[in-house]
Amino acid sequence: DAQPIELAMVAEDEQDLAPTSVAAVYPTSSTWPENTLRFYIEFTAPMSSGFAYRHVRMLDETGGIIEGPFVEIEPELWDPGQTRLTILFDPGRVKRGLVDNEQAGPPLIAGRTFTLEVYGAWPDANGQPLGEGGFRKMIEVGPSIREPVDVMDWTLSAPVRSSDPLALTFPRPLDWPLAIRMIDVQRGAEPVAGNITLSNH
């Protein structure tokens, strides 16, 4: 007769999972141009969708809430892994000469300091609230940047050995995910395998 096989299984308790937290906000620098159009929140694990605009807000120096700074897009702008959220400032308030800009003013004002706050009650994909009580980032607002990107201003440092990195230096911060996606190295028409990393904001 066949002997039964016994297998003990222990269900993973969701409470024992490491809490999801904010890994980074891009731009990573503490100073953002007044005409910043978008930023990115990267999480350590997948998040639930449909909650972003109830859990992300901008505060002024007094702690007051900035009303209507974002374009509330549905569905929200998540990457496929649900770990990176793109949030757009209202372009009608950012761009000069438009009615919203004239009446409500820009969401960010040069010379002032704002705080980006992510509520800790925001549930991740497992329904658990963010760890560390959420996230706060203080932002100093600098002058608007209106000059287009000019690749002639970039500096290229070639590697000494094939194992050394190829360094590309920009005169100002670039959009993080776009830079990762749009910049590559090719040999003829073929891409060269490697990893792209960004540093110094």
N, C-alpha and C. Protein backbone atom coordinates (compact mmCIF):
# COMPACT_ATOMS: atom_id res chain seq x y z
N ASP A 1 0.84 -1.20 0.00
CA ASP A 1 0.00 0.00 0.00
C ASP A 1 0.88 1.25 0.00
N ALA A 2 0.42 2.26 -0.71
CA ALA A 2 1.15 3.53 -0.74
C ALA A 2 1.00 4.23 0.60
N GLN A 3 2.10 4.78 1.07
CA GLN A 3 2.07 5.51 2.34
C GLN A 3 1.71 6.97 2.07
N PRO A 4 0.84 7.55 2.88
CA PRO A 4 0.49 8.97 2.68
C PRO A 4 1.70 9.87 2.96
N ILE A 5 1.75 10.95 2.23
CA ILE A 5 2.81 11.94 2.43
C ILE A 5 2.21 13.12 3.16
N GLU A 6 2.81 13.47 4.25
CA GLU A 6 2.32 14.62 5.02
C GLU A 6 3.23 15.81 4.76
N LEU A 7 2.61 16.95 4.53
CA LEU A 7 3.35 18.17 4.25
C LEU A 7 2.76 19.29 5.08
N ALA A 8 3.58 19.85 5.92
CA ALA A 8 3.12 20.97 6.74
C ALA A 8 3.40 22.28 6.01
N MET A 9 2.40 23.13 5.88
CA MET A 9 2.54 24.42 5.20
C MET A 9 2.12 25.52 6.16
N VAL A 10 2.88 26.57 6.16
CA VAL A 10 2.58 27.72 7.01
C VAL A 10 2.28 28.90 6.11
N ALA A 11 1.09 29.42 6.21
CA ALA A 11 0.72 30.58 5.40
C ALA A 11 1.48 31.80 5.89
N GLU A 12 1.97 32.58 4.95
CA GLU A 12 2.71 33.79 5.30
C GLU A 12 1.74 34.83 5.82
N ASP A 13 2.02 35.35 6.98
CA ASP A 13 1.19 36.38 7.58
C ASP A 13 1.53 37.72 6.96
N GLU A 14 0.54 38.39 6.38
CA GLU A 14 0.81 39.67 5.74
C GLU A 14 1.39 40.68 6.72
N GLN A 15 1.04 40.51 7.98
CA GLN A 15 1.57 41.44 8.97
C GLN A 15 3.07 41.29 9.14
N ASP A 16 3.61 40.11 8.74
CA ASP A 16 5.05 39.88 8.88
C ASP A 16 5.85 40.40 7.69
N LEU A 17 5.14 40.82 6.63
CA LEU A 17 5.84 41.36 5.48
C LEU A 17 6.51 42.68 5.84
N ALA A 18 7.68 42.93 5.27
CA ALA A 18 8.33 44.22 5.49
C ALA A 18 7.45 45.31 4.91
N PRO A 19 7.19 46.37 5.64
CA PRO A 19 6.31 47.41 5.13
C PRO A 19 6.90 48.10 3.91
N THR A 20 6.04 48.44 2.97
CA THR A 20 6.46 49.19 1.80
C THR A 20 6.76 50.62 2.21
N SER A 21 7.75 51.23 1.58
CA SER A 21 8.09 52.61 1.88
C SER A 21 8.46 53.34 0.59
N VAL A 22 8.60 54.64 0.69
CA VAL A 22 9.04 55.45 -0.45
C VAL A 22 10.55 55.28 -0.59
N ALA A 23 11.00 54.77 -1.74
CA ALA A 23 12.43 54.58 -1.96
C ALA A 23 13.10 55.88 -2.39
N ALA A 24 12.41 56.67 -3.21
CA ALA A 24 13.01 57.91 -3.71
C ALA A 24 11.92 58.75 -4.36
N VAL A 25 12.18 60.03 -4.42
CA VAL A 25 11.36 60.96 -5.21
C VAL A 25 12.30 61.62 -6.21
N TYR A 26 11.89 61.63 -7.47
CA TYR A 26 12.67 62.25 -8.52
C TYR A 26 11.93 63.46 -9.06
N PRO A 27 12.57 64.62 -9.20
CA PRO A 27 13.99 64.91 -8.99
C PRO A 27 14.43 64.66 -7.55
N THR A 28 15.65 64.13 -7.40
CA THR A 28 16.18 63.85 -6.07
C THR A 28 16.76 65.07 -5.40
N SER A 29 17.07 66.12 -6.16
CA SER A 29 17.67 67.31 -5.58
C SER A 29 16.66 68.03 -4.68
N SER A 30 17.16 68.85 -3.79
CA SER A 30 16.29 69.59 -2.88
C SER A 30 15.76 70.87 -3.51
N THR A 31 16.30 71.28 -4.67
CA THR A 31 15.84 72.47 -5.36
C THR A 31 15.21 72.08 -6.69
N TRP A 32 13.96 72.49 -6.89
CA TRP A 32 13.25 72.22 -8.13
C TRP A 32 12.98 73.53 -8.85
N PRO A 33 13.05 73.55 -10.19
CA PRO A 33 12.67 74.77 -10.92
C PRO A 33 11.19 75.09 -10.71
N GLU A 34 10.86 76.36 -10.77
CA GLU A 34 9.48 76.79 -10.58
C GLU A 34 8.54 76.15 -11.61
N ASN A 35 9.04 75.91 -12.81
CA ASN A 35 8.19 75.35 -13.87
C ASN A 35 8.32 73.83 -14.00
N THR A 36 8.63 73.15 -12.91
CA THR A 36 8.65 71.68 -12.90
C THR A 36 7.27 71.17 -13.31
N LEU A 37 7.24 70.27 -14.28
CA LEU A 37 5.96 69.76 -14.78
C LEU A 37 5.58 68.41 -14.19
N ARG A 38 6.55 67.63 -13.76
CA ARG A 38 6.22 66.31 -13.22
C ARG A 38 7.30 65.84 -12.26
N PHE A 39 6.91 64.91 -11.41
CA PHE A 39 7.86 64.23 -10.54
C PHE A 39 7.43 62.79 -10.40
N TYR A 40 8.32 61.98 -9.84
CA TYR A 40 8.10 60.54 -9.74
C TYR A 40 8.28 60.10 -8.29
N ILE A 41 7.41 59.21 -7.84
CA ILE A 41 7.56 58.60 -6.52
C ILE A 41 7.84 57.12 -6.75
N GLU A 42 8.98 56.65 -6.26
CA GLU A 42 9.35 55.25 -6.40
C GLU A 42 9.21 54.56 -5.05
N PHE A 43 8.53 53.41 -5.05
CA PHE A 43 8.27 52.65 -3.83
C PHE A 43 9.10 51.38 -3.81
N THR A 44 9.28 50.82 -2.63
CA THR A 44 10.11 49.62 -2.48
C THR A 44 9.36 48.36 -2.87
N ALA A 45 8.04 48.43 -3.04
CA ALA A 45 7.23 47.28 -3.42
C ALA A 45 5.98 47.79 -4.14
N PRO A 46 5.24 46.92 -4.83
CA PRO A 46 4.05 47.37 -5.55
C PRO A 46 3.03 48.04 -4.64
N MET A 47 2.38 49.06 -5.18
CA MET A 47 1.36 49.81 -4.45
C MET A 47 -0.01 49.56 -5.05
N SER A 48 -1.06 49.88 -4.29
CA SER A 48 -2.42 49.83 -4.82
C SER A 48 -2.69 51.10 -5.61
N SER A 49 -3.52 50.99 -6.63
CA SER A 49 -3.85 52.15 -7.44
C SER A 49 -5.20 52.72 -7.02
N GLY A 50 -5.46 53.95 -7.46
CA GLY A 50 -6.72 54.61 -7.15
C GLY A 50 -6.70 55.42 -5.87
N PHE A 51 -5.54 55.52 -5.22
CA PHE A 51 -5.45 56.23 -3.94
C PHE A 51 -4.51 57.43 -3.98
N ALA A 52 -3.79 57.62 -5.09
CA ALA A 52 -2.67 58.56 -5.11
C ALA A 52 -3.08 59.97 -4.71
N TYR A 53 -4.13 60.50 -5.32
CA TYR A 53 -4.45 61.92 -5.12
C TYR A 53 -5.10 62.20 -3.77
N ARG A 54 -5.44 61.13 -3.05
CA ARG A 54 -5.89 61.30 -1.66
C ARG A 54 -4.74 61.22 -0.67
N HIS A 55 -3.57 60.78 -1.15
CA HIS A 55 -2.46 60.53 -0.23
C HIS A 55 -1.18 61.28 -0.58
N VAL A 56 -1.21 62.13 -1.59
CA VAL A 56 -0.05 62.95 -1.94
C VAL A 56 -0.50 64.40 -1.96
N ARG A 57 0.24 65.26 -1.27
CA ARG A 57 -0.12 66.68 -1.27
C ARG A 57 1.11 67.55 -1.12
N MET A 58 0.94 68.82 -1.47
CA MET A 58 2.00 69.82 -1.32
C MET A 58 1.57 70.81 -0.24
N LEU A 59 2.53 71.13 0.63
CA LEU A 59 2.28 72.07 1.72
C LEU A 59 3.16 73.30 1.55
N ASP A 60 2.66 74.46 1.98
CA ASP A 60 3.49 75.67 1.95
C ASP A 60 4.28 75.78 3.24
N GLU A 61 4.97 76.93 3.43
CA GLU A 61 5.85 77.08 4.60
C GLU A 61 5.11 77.03 5.92
N THR A 62 3.82 77.39 5.91
CA THR A 62 3.03 77.39 7.14
C THR A 62 2.36 76.05 7.41
N GLY A 63 2.53 75.09 6.49
CA GLY A 63 1.85 73.81 6.63
C GLY A 63 0.49 73.79 5.95
N GLY A 64 0.13 74.89 5.28
CA GLY A 64 -1.14 74.94 4.58
C GLY A 64 -1.09 74.10 3.31
N ILE A 65 -2.22 73.52 2.95
CA ILE A 65 -2.30 72.65 1.78
C ILE A 65 -2.43 73.50 0.52
N ILE A 66 -1.62 73.20 -0.49
CA ILE A 66 -1.73 73.85 -1.79
C ILE A 66 -2.89 73.20 -2.52
N GLU A 67 -3.89 73.99 -2.89
CA GLU A 67 -5.08 73.46 -3.52
C GLU A 67 -4.86 73.22 -5.01
N GLY A 68 -5.25 72.03 -5.47
CA GLY A 68 -5.26 71.69 -6.89
C GLY A 68 -3.96 71.82 -7.63
N PRO A 69 -2.83 71.36 -7.06
CA PRO A 69 -1.57 71.51 -7.79
C PRO A 69 -1.36 70.48 -8.90
N PHE A 70 -2.09 69.33 -8.83
CA PHE A 70 -1.83 68.22 -9.73
C PHE A 70 -2.95 68.02 -10.74
N VAL A 71 -2.61 67.39 -11.88
CA VAL A 71 -3.62 66.89 -12.80
C VAL A 71 -4.00 65.49 -12.31
N GLU A 72 -5.24 65.31 -11.89
CA GLU A 72 -5.68 64.03 -11.32
C GLU A 72 -6.13 63.11 -12.44
N ILE A 73 -5.18 62.36 -12.98
CA ILE A 73 -5.42 61.49 -14.12
C ILE A 73 -5.90 60.12 -13.65
N GLU A 74 -6.94 59.62 -14.29
CA GLU A 74 -7.42 58.26 -14.04
C GLU A 74 -7.43 57.49 -15.36
N PRO A 75 -6.82 56.31 -15.44
CA PRO A 75 -6.08 55.68 -14.35
C PRO A 75 -4.76 56.39 -14.08
N GLU A 76 -4.27 56.21 -12.87
CA GLU A 76 -3.02 56.84 -12.46
C GLU A 76 -1.86 56.35 -13.32
N LEU A 77 -0.80 57.12 -13.35
CA LEU A 77 0.33 56.84 -14.25
C LEU A 77 1.38 55.98 -13.53
N TRP A 78 1.13 54.66 -13.49
CA TRP A 78 2.04 53.72 -12.85
C TRP A 78 2.89 53.01 -13.90
N ASP A 79 4.10 52.61 -13.51
CA ASP A 79 4.90 51.74 -14.36
C ASP A 79 4.30 50.33 -14.28
N PRO A 80 4.71 49.40 -15.16
CA PRO A 80 4.10 48.06 -15.17
C PRO A 80 4.21 47.32 -13.83
N GLY A 81 5.26 47.57 -13.07
CA GLY A 81 5.43 46.88 -11.80
C GLY A 81 4.70 47.53 -10.65
N GLN A 82 4.01 48.63 -10.90
CA GLN A 82 3.23 49.35 -9.89
C GLN A 82 4.11 49.86 -8.73
N THR A 83 5.38 50.17 -9.07
CA THR A 83 6.28 50.69 -8.03
C THR A 83 6.71 52.13 -8.29
N ARG A 84 6.43 52.66 -9.50
CA ARG A 84 6.81 54.05 -9.79
C ARG A 84 5.59 54.80 -10.31
N LEU A 85 5.26 55.88 -9.61
CA LEU A 85 4.11 56.71 -9.97
C LEU A 85 4.59 58.04 -10.52
N THR A 86 4.02 58.44 -11.66
CA THR A 86 4.29 59.75 -12.23
C THR A 86 3.15 60.69 -11.85
N ILE A 87 3.49 61.84 -11.28
CA ILE A 87 2.49 62.85 -10.94
C ILE A 87 2.80 64.12 -11.72
N LEU A 88 1.78 64.65 -12.37
CA LEU A 88 1.93 65.85 -13.18
C LEU A 88 1.39 67.07 -12.44
N PHE A 89 2.19 68.13 -12.38
CA PHE A 89 1.64 69.41 -11.94
C PHE A 89 0.69 69.91 -13.03
N ASP A 90 -0.32 70.66 -12.64
CA ASP A 90 -1.30 71.20 -13.59
C ASP A 90 -0.58 72.12 -14.57
N PRO A 91 -0.44 71.72 -15.85
CA PRO A 91 0.30 72.56 -16.79
C PRO A 91 -0.36 73.90 -17.03
N GLY A 92 -1.69 73.98 -16.84
CA GLY A 92 -2.37 75.26 -16.97
C GLY A 92 -1.93 76.27 -15.93
N ARG A 93 -1.45 75.77 -14.79
CA ARG A 93 -0.95 76.67 -13.75
C ARG A 93 0.54 76.93 -13.90
N VAL A 94 1.24 76.00 -14.56
CA VAL A 94 2.70 76.13 -14.70
C VAL A 94 3.06 77.05 -15.87
N LYS A 95 2.36 76.91 -16.99
CA LYS A 95 2.73 77.63 -18.21
C LYS A 95 2.20 79.06 -18.17
N ARG A 96 3.07 79.99 -18.52
CA ARG A 96 2.73 81.41 -18.49
C ARG A 96 1.66 81.77 -19.51
N GLY A 97 0.83 82.72 -19.15
CA GLY A 97 -0.15 83.25 -20.08
C GLY A 97 -1.46 82.50 -20.13
N LEU A 98 -1.57 81.36 -19.45
CA LEU A 98 -2.82 80.62 -19.44
C LEU A 98 -3.71 81.11 -18.31
N VAL A 99 -5.03 80.88 -18.44
CA VAL A 99 -6.00 81.41 -17.46
C VAL A 99 -5.70 80.91 -16.05
N ASP A 100 -5.45 79.58 -15.92
CA ASP A 100 -5.21 79.03 -14.58
C ASP A 100 -3.95 79.63 -13.96
N ASN A 101 -2.93 79.87 -14.77
CA ASN A 101 -1.70 80.48 -14.26
C ASN A 101 -1.97 81.89 -13.77
N GLU A 102 -2.79 82.64 -14.52
CA GLU A 102 -3.08 84.02 -14.14
C GLU A 102 -3.98 84.10 -12.90
N GLN A 103 -4.94 83.17 -12.79
CA GLN A 103 -5.91 83.25 -11.70
C GLN A 103 -5.47 82.55 -10.42
N ALA A 104 -4.96 81.31 -10.57
CA ALA A 104 -4.59 80.52 -9.37
C ALA A 104 -3.11 80.62 -9.06
N GLY A 105 -2.28 81.03 -10.06
CA GLY A 105 -0.85 81.10 -9.84
C GLY A 105 -0.19 79.74 -9.98
N PRO A 106 1.12 79.71 -10.12
CA PRO A 106 1.83 78.44 -10.26
C PRO A 106 1.78 77.65 -8.95
N PRO A 107 1.79 76.31 -9.04
CA PRO A 107 1.81 75.51 -7.81
C PRO A 107 3.10 75.66 -7.02
N LEU A 108 4.23 75.91 -7.70
CA LEU A 108 5.51 76.16 -7.06
C LEU A 108 5.92 77.59 -7.36
N ILE A 109 6.47 78.29 -6.38
CA ILE A 109 6.84 79.69 -6.55
C ILE A 109 8.30 79.87 -6.18
N ALA A 110 9.08 80.44 -7.11
CA ALA A 110 10.51 80.63 -6.90
C ALA A 110 10.77 81.44 -5.64
N GLY A 111 11.80 81.01 -4.89
CA GLY A 111 12.17 81.70 -3.66
C GLY A 111 11.46 81.19 -2.43
N ARG A 112 10.50 80.29 -2.60
CA ARG A 112 9.76 79.76 -1.46
C ARG A 112 10.08 78.29 -1.25
N THR A 113 9.68 77.77 -0.10
CA THR A 113 9.94 76.38 0.26
C THR A 113 8.61 75.66 0.42
N PHE A 114 8.52 74.47 -0.14
CA PHE A 114 7.31 73.65 -0.05
C PHE A 114 7.69 72.27 0.49
N THR A 115 6.69 71.53 0.93
CA THR A 115 6.90 70.17 1.41
C THR A 115 5.99 69.22 0.65
N LEU A 116 6.60 68.19 0.07
CA LEU A 116 5.84 67.11 -0.54
C LEU A 116 5.57 66.07 0.54
N GLU A 117 4.32 65.72 0.73
CA GLU A 117 3.94 64.77 1.78
C GLU A 117 3.19 63.59 1.18
N VAL A 118 3.62 62.39 1.56
CA VAL A 118 2.95 61.16 1.16
C VAL A 118 2.38 60.54 2.44
N TYR A 119 1.06 60.41 2.50
CA TYR A 119 0.39 59.89 3.69
C TYR A 119 0.78 58.44 3.97
N GLY A 120 1.01 58.14 5.22
CA GLY A 120 1.33 56.77 5.61
C GLY A 120 0.16 55.81 5.52
N ALA A 121 -1.07 56.33 5.41
CA ALA A 121 -2.25 55.45 5.34
C ALA A 121 -2.44 54.84 3.96
N TRP A 122 -1.66 55.27 2.97
CA TRP A 122 -1.79 54.75 1.61
C TRP A 122 -1.50 53.26 1.61
N PRO A 123 -2.43 52.40 1.18
CA PRO A 123 -2.19 50.95 1.21
C PRO A 123 -1.33 50.48 0.04
N ASP A 124 -0.45 49.54 0.33
CA ASP A 124 0.33 48.94 -0.75
C ASP A 124 -0.51 47.85 -1.41
N ALA A 125 0.09 47.07 -2.30
CA ALA A 125 -0.66 46.05 -3.04
C ALA A 125 -1.21 44.96 -2.14
N ASN A 126 -0.64 44.80 -0.94
CA ASN A 126 -1.13 43.82 0.02
C ASN A 126 -2.13 44.41 1.01
N GLY A 127 -2.46 45.68 0.81
CA GLY A 127 -3.42 46.32 1.71
C GLY A 127 -2.81 46.86 2.98
N GLN A 128 -1.48 46.82 3.10
CA GLN A 128 -0.82 47.29 4.31
C GLN A 128 -0.42 48.77 4.15
N PRO A 129 -0.53 49.57 5.19
CA PRO A 129 -0.14 50.98 5.08
C PRO A 129 1.37 51.14 4.92
N LEU A 130 1.76 52.28 4.36
CA LEU A 130 3.18 52.56 4.20
C LEU A 130 3.90 52.55 5.54
N GLY A 131 5.14 52.08 5.53
CA GLY A 131 5.94 52.10 6.74
C GLY A 131 6.50 53.48 7.01
N GLU A 132 7.07 53.65 8.17
CA GLU A 132 7.73 54.89 8.58
C GLU A 132 6.77 56.07 8.63
N GLY A 133 5.47 55.78 8.70
CA GLY A 133 4.50 56.86 8.81
C GLY A 133 4.38 57.72 7.57
N GLY A 134 4.79 57.19 6.43
CA GLY A 134 4.72 57.98 5.19
C GLY A 134 6.05 58.60 4.85
N PHE A 135 6.00 59.74 4.16
CA PHE A 135 7.22 60.34 3.63
C PHE A 135 7.02 61.84 3.47
N ARG A 136 8.09 62.60 3.74
CA ARG A 136 8.08 64.05 3.55
C ARG A 136 9.39 64.47 2.89
N LYS A 137 9.29 65.39 1.95
CA LYS A 137 10.47 65.93 1.28
C LYS A 137 10.32 67.44 1.18
N MET A 138 11.30 68.17 1.71
CA MET A 138 11.28 69.62 1.62
C MET A 138 11.90 70.05 0.30
N ILE A 139 11.24 70.98 -0.37
CA ILE A 139 11.66 71.41 -1.70
C ILE A 139 11.84 72.92 -1.71
N GLU A 140 13.04 73.36 -2.06
CA GLU A 140 13.26 74.78 -2.30
C GLU A 140 13.04 75.03 -3.79
N VAL A 141 12.35 76.10 -4.11
CA VAL A 141 11.99 76.35 -5.50
C VAL A 141 12.91 77.41 -6.08
N GLY A 142 13.55 77.06 -7.19
CA GLY A 142 14.45 77.98 -7.88
C GLY A 142 13.78 78.58 -9.11
N PRO A 143 14.50 79.40 -9.84
CA PRO A 143 13.94 80.02 -11.05
C PRO A 143 13.55 78.97 -12.09
N SER A 144 12.63 79.35 -12.95
CA SER A 144 12.22 78.46 -14.04
C SER A 144 13.38 78.21 -14.99
N ILE A 145 13.40 77.04 -15.58
CA ILE A 145 14.37 76.71 -16.63
C ILE A 145 13.60 76.66 -17.95
N ARG A 146 13.96 77.51 -18.87
CA ARG A 146 13.22 77.59 -20.13
C ARG A 146 14.09 77.29 -21.35
N GLU A 147 15.40 77.11 -21.14
CA GLU A 147 16.27 76.78 -22.26
C GLU A 147 16.14 75.29 -22.59
N PRO A 148 16.05 74.93 -23.87
CA PRO A 148 15.95 73.51 -24.23
C PRO A 148 17.24 72.78 -23.92
N VAL A 149 17.13 71.46 -23.79
CA VAL A 149 18.32 70.63 -23.58
C VAL A 149 19.20 70.71 -24.83
N ASP A 150 20.48 70.95 -24.64
CA ASP A 150 21.43 71.05 -25.74
C ASP A 150 22.54 70.03 -25.51
N VAL A 151 22.58 69.00 -26.34
CA VAL A 151 23.56 67.94 -26.14
C VAL A 151 24.99 68.45 -26.33
N MET A 152 25.16 69.60 -26.98
CA MET A 152 26.49 70.16 -27.16
C MET A 152 27.07 70.65 -25.83
N ASP A 153 26.22 70.79 -24.81
CA ASP A 153 26.67 71.19 -23.48
C ASP A 153 27.05 69.99 -22.62
N TRP A 154 26.85 68.78 -23.12
CA TRP A 154 27.19 67.59 -22.36
C TRP A 154 28.68 67.29 -22.48
N THR A 155 29.24 66.69 -21.45
CA THR A 155 30.66 66.31 -21.45
C THR A 155 30.77 64.80 -21.41
N LEU A 156 31.54 64.24 -22.33
CA LEU A 156 31.71 62.80 -22.43
C LEU A 156 33.13 62.43 -22.02
N SER A 157 33.25 61.53 -21.04
CA SER A 157 34.55 61.04 -20.59
C SER A 157 34.68 59.57 -20.96
N ALA A 158 35.55 59.29 -21.91
CA ALA A 158 35.70 57.92 -22.40
C ALA A 158 36.41 57.05 -21.37
N PRO A 159 36.08 55.76 -21.31
CA PRO A 159 36.76 54.86 -20.37
C PRO A 159 38.20 54.59 -20.80
N VAL A 160 39.08 54.42 -19.81
CA VAL A 160 40.47 54.07 -20.09
C VAL A 160 40.56 52.60 -20.47
N ARG A 161 39.85 51.74 -19.70
CA ARG A 161 39.78 50.31 -19.99
C ARG A 161 38.34 49.95 -20.33
N SER A 162 38.17 48.83 -20.99
CA SER A 162 36.82 48.45 -21.41
C SER A 162 35.89 48.19 -20.23
N SER A 163 36.47 47.90 -19.06
CA SER A 163 35.64 47.64 -17.88
C SER A 163 35.29 48.92 -17.12
N ASP A 164 35.90 50.04 -17.50
CA ASP A 164 35.61 51.32 -16.85
C ASP A 164 34.31 51.90 -17.39
N PRO A 165 33.66 52.75 -16.58
CA PRO A 165 32.41 53.35 -17.06
C PRO A 165 32.67 54.46 -18.08
N LEU A 166 31.69 54.65 -18.92
CA LEU A 166 31.64 55.79 -19.82
C LEU A 166 30.82 56.85 -19.09
N ALA A 167 31.41 58.01 -18.83
CA ALA A 167 30.75 59.03 -18.00
C ALA A 167 30.22 60.15 -18.88
N LEU A 168 28.96 60.48 -18.68
CA LEU A 168 28.30 61.55 -19.40
C LEU A 168 27.81 62.56 -18.37
N THR A 169 28.30 63.79 -18.46
CA THR A 169 27.97 64.82 -17.46
C THR A 169 27.07 65.87 -18.09
N PHE A 170 25.96 66.16 -17.43
CA PHE A 170 25.01 67.16 -17.91
C PHE A 170 25.18 68.45 -17.11
N PRO A 171 24.90 69.61 -17.70
CA PRO A 171 25.02 70.86 -16.94
C PRO A 171 23.86 71.09 -15.97
N ARG A 172 22.81 70.28 -16.07
CA ARG A 172 21.66 70.41 -15.16
C ARG A 172 20.97 69.06 -15.08
N PRO A 173 20.15 68.84 -14.05
CA PRO A 173 19.46 67.56 -13.93
C PRO A 173 18.52 67.31 -15.11
N LEU A 174 18.43 66.04 -15.50
CA LEU A 174 17.50 65.63 -16.55
C LEU A 174 16.42 64.74 -15.94
N ASP A 175 15.35 64.56 -16.71
CA ASP A 175 14.25 63.69 -16.29
C ASP A 175 14.79 62.27 -16.12
N TRP A 176 14.64 61.72 -14.92
CA TRP A 176 15.29 60.46 -14.56
C TRP A 176 14.87 59.27 -15.43
N PRO A 177 13.58 58.88 -15.49
CA PRO A 177 13.26 57.69 -16.29
C PRO A 177 13.46 57.91 -17.78
N LEU A 178 13.28 59.14 -18.25
CA LEU A 178 13.51 59.40 -19.67
C LEU A 178 14.99 59.25 -20.01
N ALA A 179 15.87 59.74 -19.13
CA ALA A 179 17.31 59.59 -19.38
C ALA A 179 17.71 58.12 -19.41
N ILE A 180 17.17 57.33 -18.48
CA ILE A 180 17.47 55.90 -18.44
C ILE A 180 17.02 55.22 -19.73
N ARG A 181 15.85 55.63 -20.24
CA ARG A 181 15.28 54.97 -21.41
C ARG A 181 15.87 55.46 -22.73
N MET A 182 16.23 56.74 -22.80
CA MET A 182 16.58 57.35 -24.08
C MET A 182 18.08 57.36 -24.38
N ILE A 183 18.91 57.12 -23.38
CA ILE A 183 20.36 57.15 -23.60
C ILE A 183 20.90 55.73 -23.64
N ASP A 184 21.63 55.40 -24.69
CA ASP A 184 22.29 54.10 -24.75
C ASP A 184 23.59 54.24 -25.54
N VAL A 185 24.35 53.17 -25.58
CA VAL A 185 25.63 53.13 -26.29
C VAL A 185 25.51 52.11 -27.39
N GLN A 186 25.99 52.46 -28.57
CA GLN A 186 25.89 51.55 -29.70
C GLN A 186 27.26 51.34 -30.34
N ARG A 187 27.45 50.14 -30.87
CA ARG A 187 28.60 49.82 -31.73
C ARG A 187 28.02 49.60 -33.13
N GLY A 188 28.19 50.59 -33.99
CA GLY A 188 27.50 50.55 -35.26
C GLY A 188 26.02 50.73 -35.02
N ALA A 189 25.22 49.80 -35.50
CA ALA A 189 23.78 49.85 -35.27
C ALA A 189 23.35 48.98 -34.10
N GLU A 190 24.30 48.29 -33.46
CA GLU A 190 23.98 47.35 -32.39
C GLU A 190 24.21 47.98 -31.02
N PRO A 191 23.25 47.83 -30.10
CA PRO A 191 23.46 48.35 -28.74
C PRO A 191 24.54 47.58 -28.00
N VAL A 192 25.30 48.28 -27.17
CA VAL A 192 26.32 47.66 -26.33
C VAL A 192 25.68 47.34 -24.98
N ALA A 193 25.86 46.10 -24.52
CA ALA A 193 25.26 45.69 -23.25
C ALA A 193 25.90 46.45 -22.10
N GLY A 194 25.09 46.79 -21.12
CA GLY A 194 25.61 47.49 -19.95
C GLY A 194 24.48 48.06 -19.12
N ASN A 195 24.82 48.72 -18.04
CA ASN A 195 23.85 49.33 -17.14
C ASN A 195 24.04 50.84 -17.11
N ILE A 196 22.92 51.55 -17.04
CA ILE A 196 22.97 53.00 -16.92
C ILE A 196 22.55 53.39 -15.50
N THR A 197 23.37 54.20 -14.87
CA THR A 197 23.02 54.72 -13.55
C THR A 197 23.20 56.23 -13.58
N LEU A 198 22.40 56.92 -12.75
CA LEU A 198 22.52 58.37 -12.63
C LEU A 198 22.91 58.73 -11.20
N SER A 199 23.69 59.79 -11.05
CA SER A 199 24.12 60.23 -9.73
C SER A 199 24.16 61.75 -9.69
N ASN A 200 24.49 62.30 -8.52
CA ASN A 200 24.59 63.76 -8.34
C ASN A 200 23.30 64.46 -8.76
N HIS A 201 22.19 63.85 -8.45
CA HIS A 201 20.86 64.41 -8.74
C HIS A 201 20.63 64.56 -10.24
